[in-house]
């Protein structure tokens, strides 16, 4: 079932599906804020972290939930200058960090017991940065122990639409009392690890095994490509239950597109979250072209991810 709740004078949507509760601010960035799970002992586990806030000021930058990254992820550059990109017509345009959807306004299209869909309402900043005719829709589907989120980009223009969007899931970690990050393992089945330098170029990243302790500092700010499998896993060590799987696409057996990227990041060693992000490609795709996708005029493309919980 779903209902609405008032929070700081605005309306949030809430879904209760089995033991899971999902909370979202649809109009502000189509932002999933929190996912928590009722445990058998009567307590709750946060799967997706959300901190306490007392104002909507800076809402788009809150370290929690799942910010929507569109049309491009992270830092865009044009010839070494940050927060710009150059389009196919050789025109330099501005591009905010992570694009403009996370701070954009969305119109609710549908909300029912299964989830919601919402369409971006481009403002002046969006139109200057991305001057195309398009429809960008975010669709969430909620289940008792999983969610899927689909991006749908429809090209209403006469020119191809470039995009390389993504998610920024803030997973609560550690999620068991008395545990630290060293009590968890992260698995990312990548053959290449990269980072982005201060000029926006992709450079070699750290050497990492496919599975290692979540406390390992080399996970932070690393791009993982060349994926043998579409699924990354965050799990307790020692076979304890409660693992989180993050999957790019709906086919869990086939490798994803060569440019598909997992990003692992956290703010600090004591932060109550660890991010396992799913991107269509690495950052700055309009410049280096890796992971840059194009939607032909009159056509649509989608990008789907699933987050599932082993209960």
Protein backbone atom coordinates (compact mmCIF):
# COMPACT_ATOMS: atom_id res chain seq x y z
CA UNK A 1 0.00 0.00 0.00
CA UNK A 2 1.05 3.60 -0.37
CA UNK A 3 0.11 6.85 1.31
CA UNK A 4 1.40 10.38 1.75
CA UNK A 5 2.95 12.08 4.75
CA UNK A 6 3.72 15.71 5.50
CA UNK A 7 7.36 16.58 6.17
CA UNK A 8 8.66 20.13 6.69
CA UNK A 9 5.52 21.47 5.04
CA UNK A 10 5.77 19.36 1.88
CA UNK A 11 4.33 16.02 0.79
CA UNK A 12 6.28 12.78 0.74
CA UNK A 13 5.07 9.49 -0.67
CA UNK A 14 5.44 6.27 1.32
CA UNK A 15 5.09 2.64 0.30
CA UNK A 16 4.76 -0.36 2.61
CA UNK A 17 5.43 -3.63 0.79
CA UNK A 18 5.82 -6.68 2.99
CA UNK A 19 8.47 -5.85 5.58
CA UNK A 20 9.87 -2.95 3.54
CA UNK A 21 8.98 0.73 3.74
CA UNK A 22 10.07 3.16 1.01
CA UNK A 23 9.95 6.95 1.33
CA UNK A 24 10.34 9.38 -1.58
CA UNK A 25 10.02 13.06 -2.39
CA UNK A 26 8.74 12.71 -5.93
CA UNK A 27 8.63 16.39 -6.85
CA UNK A 28 12.16 17.15 -5.60
CA UNK A 29 14.45 15.25 -7.90
CA UNK A 30 12.29 12.08 -7.95
CA UNK A 31 14.36 11.35 -4.87
CA UNK A 32 14.05 8.03 -3.11
CA UNK A 33 15.04 9.07 0.40
CA UNK A 34 14.92 5.94 2.52
CA UNK A 35 14.32 2.20 2.41
CA UNK A 36 14.00 0.41 5.74
CA UNK A 37 13.18 -3.14 6.66
CA UNK A 38 11.26 -4.51 9.66
CA UNK A 39 13.33 -7.19 11.39
CA UNK A 40 11.93 -10.22 13.27
CA UNK A 41 13.08 -8.84 16.64
CA UNK A 42 10.93 -5.72 16.21
CA UNK A 43 13.77 -3.38 15.21
CA UNK A 44 14.35 -1.79 11.80
CA UNK A 45 17.27 -1.88 9.41
CA UNK A 46 17.99 1.02 7.07
CA UNK A 47 18.92 -0.39 3.69
CA UNK A 48 19.22 3.03 2.07
CA UNK A 49 20.50 5.71 4.44
CA UNK A 50 18.86 9.08 4.99
CA UNK A 51 20.11 11.58 7.61
CA UNK A 52 17.97 13.82 9.79
CA UNK A 53 17.31 17.19 8.12
CA UNK A 54 15.46 20.28 9.37
CA UNK A 55 15.17 22.23 6.12
CA UNK A 56 14.95 21.62 2.38
CA UNK A 57 17.84 24.00 1.76
CA UNK A 58 20.53 22.01 -0.02
CA UNK A 59 18.20 19.01 -0.36
CA UNK A 60 19.82 17.98 -3.66
CA UNK A 61 23.19 17.56 -1.93
CA UNK A 62 22.02 15.59 1.12
CA UNK A 63 24.20 12.53 1.65
CA UNK A 64 21.48 9.93 1.46
CA UNK A 65 18.82 8.25 -0.62
CA UNK A 66 19.35 7.85 -4.34
CA UNK A 67 20.07 11.08 -6.24
CA UNK A 68 19.26 10.87 -9.96
CA UNK A 69 22.27 11.73 -12.14
CA UNK A 70 21.15 13.06 -15.55
CA UNK A 71 22.10 13.72 -18.29
CA UNK A 72 25.72 13.04 -17.26
CA UNK A 73 27.32 11.70 -14.09
CA UNK A 74 29.79 13.45 -11.80
CA UNK A 75 32.18 16.05 -13.20
CA UNK A 76 31.95 17.18 -16.81
CA UNK A 77 34.87 18.99 -18.44
CA UNK A 78 35.55 20.83 -21.66
CA UNK A 79 39.25 20.96 -22.49
CA UNK A 80 40.21 20.91 -18.83
CA UNK A 81 37.54 23.36 -17.62
CA UNK A 82 35.16 21.84 -15.08
CA UNK A 83 31.34 22.08 -15.25
CA UNK A 84 31.25 22.44 -19.03
CA UNK A 85 30.68 20.11 -21.95
CA UNK A 86 30.91 20.46 -25.71
CA UNK A 87 28.02 19.27 -27.87
CA UNK A 88 28.09 17.68 -31.33
CA UNK A 89 27.84 21.14 -32.90
CA UNK A 90 31.10 22.20 -31.17
CA UNK A 91 29.21 24.50 -28.78
CA UNK A 92 30.45 24.77 -25.20
CA UNK A 93 27.64 24.52 -22.66
CA UNK A 94 27.49 24.54 -18.84
CA UNK A 95 26.86 21.31 -16.97
CA UNK A 96 26.43 21.17 -13.18
CA UNK A 97 28.02 18.43 -11.12
CA UNK A 98 25.98 15.24 -11.67
CA UNK A 99 23.76 17.10 -14.16
CA UNK A 100 20.55 18.86 -13.18
CA UNK A 101 17.92 16.20 -12.40
CA UNK A 102 18.80 15.76 -8.73
CA UNK A 103 18.00 19.45 -8.08
CA UNK A 104 15.20 19.54 -10.68
CA UNK A 105 11.46 19.45 -10.25
CA UNK A 106 9.46 16.43 -11.36
CA UNK A 107 5.77 16.07 -12.10
CA UNK A 108 4.08 12.98 -10.71
CA UNK A 109 2.58 10.87 -13.49
CA UNK A 110 1.53 7.79 -11.52
CA UNK A 111 1.59 6.59 -7.93
CA UNK A 112 0.03 3.30 -6.81
CA UNK A 113 0.83 0.32 -4.63
CA UNK A 114 3.63 -0.77 -6.97
CA UNK A 115 5.61 2.48 -7.10
CA UNK A 116 5.61 5.71 -9.10
CA UNK A 117 6.67 7.42 -12.29
CA UNK A 118 7.60 11.08 -12.63
CA UNK A 119 8.69 13.34 -15.49
CA UNK A 120 11.40 16.00 -15.27
CA UNK A 121 10.25 19.59 -15.72
CA UNK A 122 13.33 21.33 -17.20
CA UNK A 123 14.03 24.78 -15.75
CA UNK A 124 16.23 27.57 -17.13
CA UNK A 125 19.42 25.90 -15.88
CA UNK A 126 18.47 22.62 -17.55
CA UNK A 127 17.54 24.31 -20.82
CA UNK A 128 20.83 26.17 -20.98
CA UNK A 129 22.85 23.06 -20.20
CA UNK A 130 20.89 20.65 -22.38
CA UNK A 131 18.90 22.54 -25.05
CA UNK A 132 17.00 19.64 -26.57
CA UNK A 133 13.35 18.61 -26.80
CA UNK A 134 12.94 15.44 -24.76
CA UNK A 135 11.00 13.66 -22.04
CA UNK A 136 12.94 12.15 -19.14
CA UNK A 137 10.94 9.82 -16.90
CA UNK A 138 11.98 8.06 -13.70
CA UNK A 139 10.04 4.90 -12.84
CA UNK A 140 10.36 3.13 -9.47
CA UNK A 141 8.88 -0.29 -8.76
CA UNK A 142 8.91 -1.51 -5.17
CA UNK A 143 8.74 -5.10 -3.91
CA UNK A 144 9.03 -6.72 -0.48
CA UNK A 145 12.80 -7.14 -0.69
CA UNK A 146 13.86 -5.32 -3.87
CA UNK A 147 13.36 -2.29 -6.04
CA UNK A 148 13.94 -1.46 -9.67
CA UNK A 149 14.48 2.01 -11.06
CA UNK A 150 14.21 2.72 -14.77
CA UNK A 151 15.22 5.84 -16.65
CA UNK A 152 13.31 6.47 -19.87
CA UNK A 153 14.64 9.12 -22.26
CA UNK A 154 12.40 9.95 -25.22
CA UNK A 155 13.83 12.09 -28.00
CA UNK A 156 11.35 14.72 -29.19
CA UNK A 157 14.06 16.62 -31.07
CA UNK A 158 15.42 16.46 -34.61
CA UNK A 159 18.95 15.78 -33.30
CA UNK A 160 20.36 12.74 -31.51
CA UNK A 161 20.26 13.08 -27.71
CA UNK A 162 23.55 12.37 -25.88
CA UNK A 163 23.31 10.96 -22.38
CA UNK A 164 25.16 8.89 -19.80
CA UNK A 165 23.03 8.83 -16.66
CA UNK A 166 23.29 7.01 -13.36
CA UNK A 167 22.32 6.37 -9.75
CA UNK A 168 24.03 7.31 -6.48
CA UNK A 169 22.71 4.79 -3.92
CA UNK A 170 23.70 5.57 -0.33
CA UNK A 171 23.60 2.20 1.42
CA UNK A 172 23.59 2.18 5.21
CA UNK A 173 26.82 0.47 6.29
CA UNK A 174 27.54 -1.02 8.69
CA UNK A 175 23.95 -2.09 9.34
CA UNK A 176 24.43 -4.40 12.34
CA UNK A 177 25.02 -3.15 15.89
CA UNK A 178 28.61 -3.33 17.01
CA UNK A 179 29.97 -3.93 13.51
CA UNK A 180 32.45 -1.89 11.45
CA UNK A 181 33.17 -1.78 7.73
CA UNK A 182 35.84 -4.41 8.26
CA UNK A 183 33.01 -6.87 9.01
CA UNK A 184 31.66 -6.56 5.45
CA UNK A 185 32.83 -7.60 2.01
CA UNK A 186 32.31 -5.84 -1.32
CA UNK A 187 32.35 -7.74 -4.61
CA UNK A 188 32.65 -5.89 -7.94
CA UNK A 189 33.48 -8.22 -10.87
CA UNK A 190 35.48 -5.71 -12.95
CA UNK A 191 38.55 -6.17 -15.13
CA UNK A 192 39.45 -2.46 -15.20
CA UNK A 193 39.68 0.08 -12.37
CA UNK A 194 39.94 3.75 -13.27
CA UNK A 195 39.81 7.16 -11.67
CA UNK A 196 39.22 10.67 -12.98
CA UNK A 197 42.03 13.20 -12.72
CA UNK A 198 41.64 16.93 -12.01
CA UNK A 199 41.35 17.69 -15.74
CA UNK A 200 38.57 15.16 -16.32
CA UNK A 201 40.68 12.47 -17.94
CA UNK A 202 40.41 8.79 -17.06
CA UNK A 203 43.58 7.40 -15.49
CA UNK A 204 44.50 3.96 -14.12
CA UNK A 205 42.93 3.18 -10.77
CA UNK A 206 44.05 0.96 -7.89
CA UNK A 207 44.72 -2.75 -8.14
CA UNK A 208 41.83 -4.47 -6.38
CA UNK A 209 40.64 -8.07 -6.11
CA UNK A 210 37.08 -8.81 -7.13
CA UNK A 211 36.15 -9.31 -3.44
CA UNK A 212 37.67 -7.51 -0.47
CA UNK A 213 36.93 -5.85 2.85
CA UNK A 214 34.67 -2.81 2.70
CA UNK A 215 37.21 -1.07 4.95
CA UNK A 216 39.84 -1.10 2.20
CA UNK A 217 40.48 2.58 1.34
CA UNK A 218 41.19 1.86 -2.34
CA UNK A 219 37.49 1.26 -2.95
CA UNK A 220 36.82 4.98 -2.48
CA UNK A 221 36.35 7.06 -5.63
CA UNK A 222 37.06 4.16 -7.98
CA UNK A 223 35.40 3.41 -11.33
CA UNK A 224 34.88 -0.26 -12.18
CA UNK A 225 34.51 -1.25 -15.85
CA UNK A 226 34.88 -4.39 -17.95
CA UNK A 227 32.25 -6.15 -15.88
CA UNK A 228 32.13 -9.95 -16.12
CA UNK A 229 28.76 -9.85 -14.36
CA UNK A 230 26.14 -7.10 -14.01
CA UNK A 231 25.92 -7.55 -10.22
CA UNK A 232 27.91 -6.08 -7.34
CA UNK A 233 27.36 -7.44 -3.84
CA UNK A 234 27.74 -5.88 -0.41
CA UNK A 235 27.59 -8.61 2.23
CA UNK A 236 28.50 -9.38 5.84
CA UNK A 237 31.62 -11.48 6.27
CA UNK A 238 31.32 -14.98 7.63
CA UNK A 239 28.15 -15.91 5.81
CA UNK A 240 25.77 -13.76 7.86
CA UNK A 241 22.50 -12.93 6.11
CA UNK A 242 21.39 -9.58 4.75
CA UNK A 243 23.49 -9.09 1.61
CA UNK A 244 22.65 -6.32 -0.85
CA UNK A 245 22.96 -6.95 -4.59
CA UNK A 246 23.03 -4.14 -7.16
CA UNK A 247 22.43 -5.19 -10.76
CA UNK A 248 22.75 -3.21 -13.99
CA UNK A 249 19.96 -4.33 -16.34
CA UNK A 250 17.46 -7.13 -15.94
CA UNK A 251 19.60 -10.00 -17.29
CA UNK A 252 21.58 -11.26 -14.30
CA UNK A 253 23.56 -13.81 -16.33
CA UNK A 254 24.97 -11.79 -19.22
CA UNK A 255 27.68 -9.13 -18.81
CA UNK A 256 26.38 -5.58 -19.28
CA UNK A 257 27.53 -3.16 -21.98
CA UNK A 258 31.33 -2.71 -22.02
CA UNK A 259 31.01 0.89 -20.82
CA UNK A 260 28.68 0.06 -17.89
CA UNK A 261 30.29 1.32 -14.70
CA UNK A 262 30.07 0.69 -10.98
CA UNK A 263 31.38 3.49 -8.79
CA UNK A 264 32.36 2.93 -5.16
CA UNK A 265 32.58 5.91 -2.85
CA UNK A 266 32.09 7.17 0.68
CA UNK A 267 32.72 10.49 2.36
CA UNK A 268 34.92 9.35 5.24
CA UNK A 269 35.97 6.28 7.23
CA UNK A 270 33.24 6.85 9.82
CA UNK A 271 30.42 7.86 7.47
CA UNK A 272 27.25 5.81 8.12
CA UNK A 273 26.92 4.96 4.42
CA UNK A 274 28.80 3.42 1.53
CA UNK A 275 27.81 4.14 -2.07
CA UNK A 276 27.66 1.51 -4.79
CA UNK A 277 26.62 3.53 -7.82
CA UNK A 278 25.40 2.30 -11.20
CA UNK A 279 26.27 4.45 -14.21
CA UNK A 280 25.84 4.06 -17.95
CA UNK A 281 29.50 5.03 -18.33
CA UNK A 282 32.37 6.78 -16.56
CA UNK A 283 32.28 10.52 -15.85
CA UNK A 284 32.97 13.11 -18.57
CA UNK A 285 31.59 10.87 -21.29
CA UNK A 286 30.83 13.74 -23.74
CA UNK A 287 34.58 14.42 -23.95
CA UNK A 288 36.19 10.97 -23.97
CA UNK A 289 33.09 9.25 -25.50
CA UNK A 290 33.30 6.13 -23.30
CA UNK A 291 29.77 5.31 -22.19
CA UNK A 292 28.21 8.14 -24.18
CA UNK A 293 24.89 6.93 -25.59
CA UNK A 294 22.74 8.61 -28.25
CA UNK A 295 18.96 8.42 -28.64
CA UNK A 296 17.95 8.92 -32.30
CA UNK A 297 15.16 11.40 -33.10
CA UNK A 298 11.74 9.94 -32.38
CA UNK A 299 13.18 7.03 -30.40
CA UNK A 300 13.54 6.15 -26.70
CA UNK A 301 16.18 4.45 -24.60
CA UNK A 302 16.07 3.10 -21.06
CA UNK A 303 18.52 2.29 -18.27
CA UNK A 304 17.36 -0.10 -15.56
CA UNK A 305 18.92 -1.15 -12.26
CA UNK A 306 17.77 -3.48 -9.51
CA UNK A 307 18.66 -3.43 -5.83
CA UNK A 308 17.75 -6.61 -3.96
CA UNK A 309 18.10 -7.70 -0.38
CA UNK A 310 18.80 -11.24 0.81
CA UNK A 311 16.54 -11.65 3.85
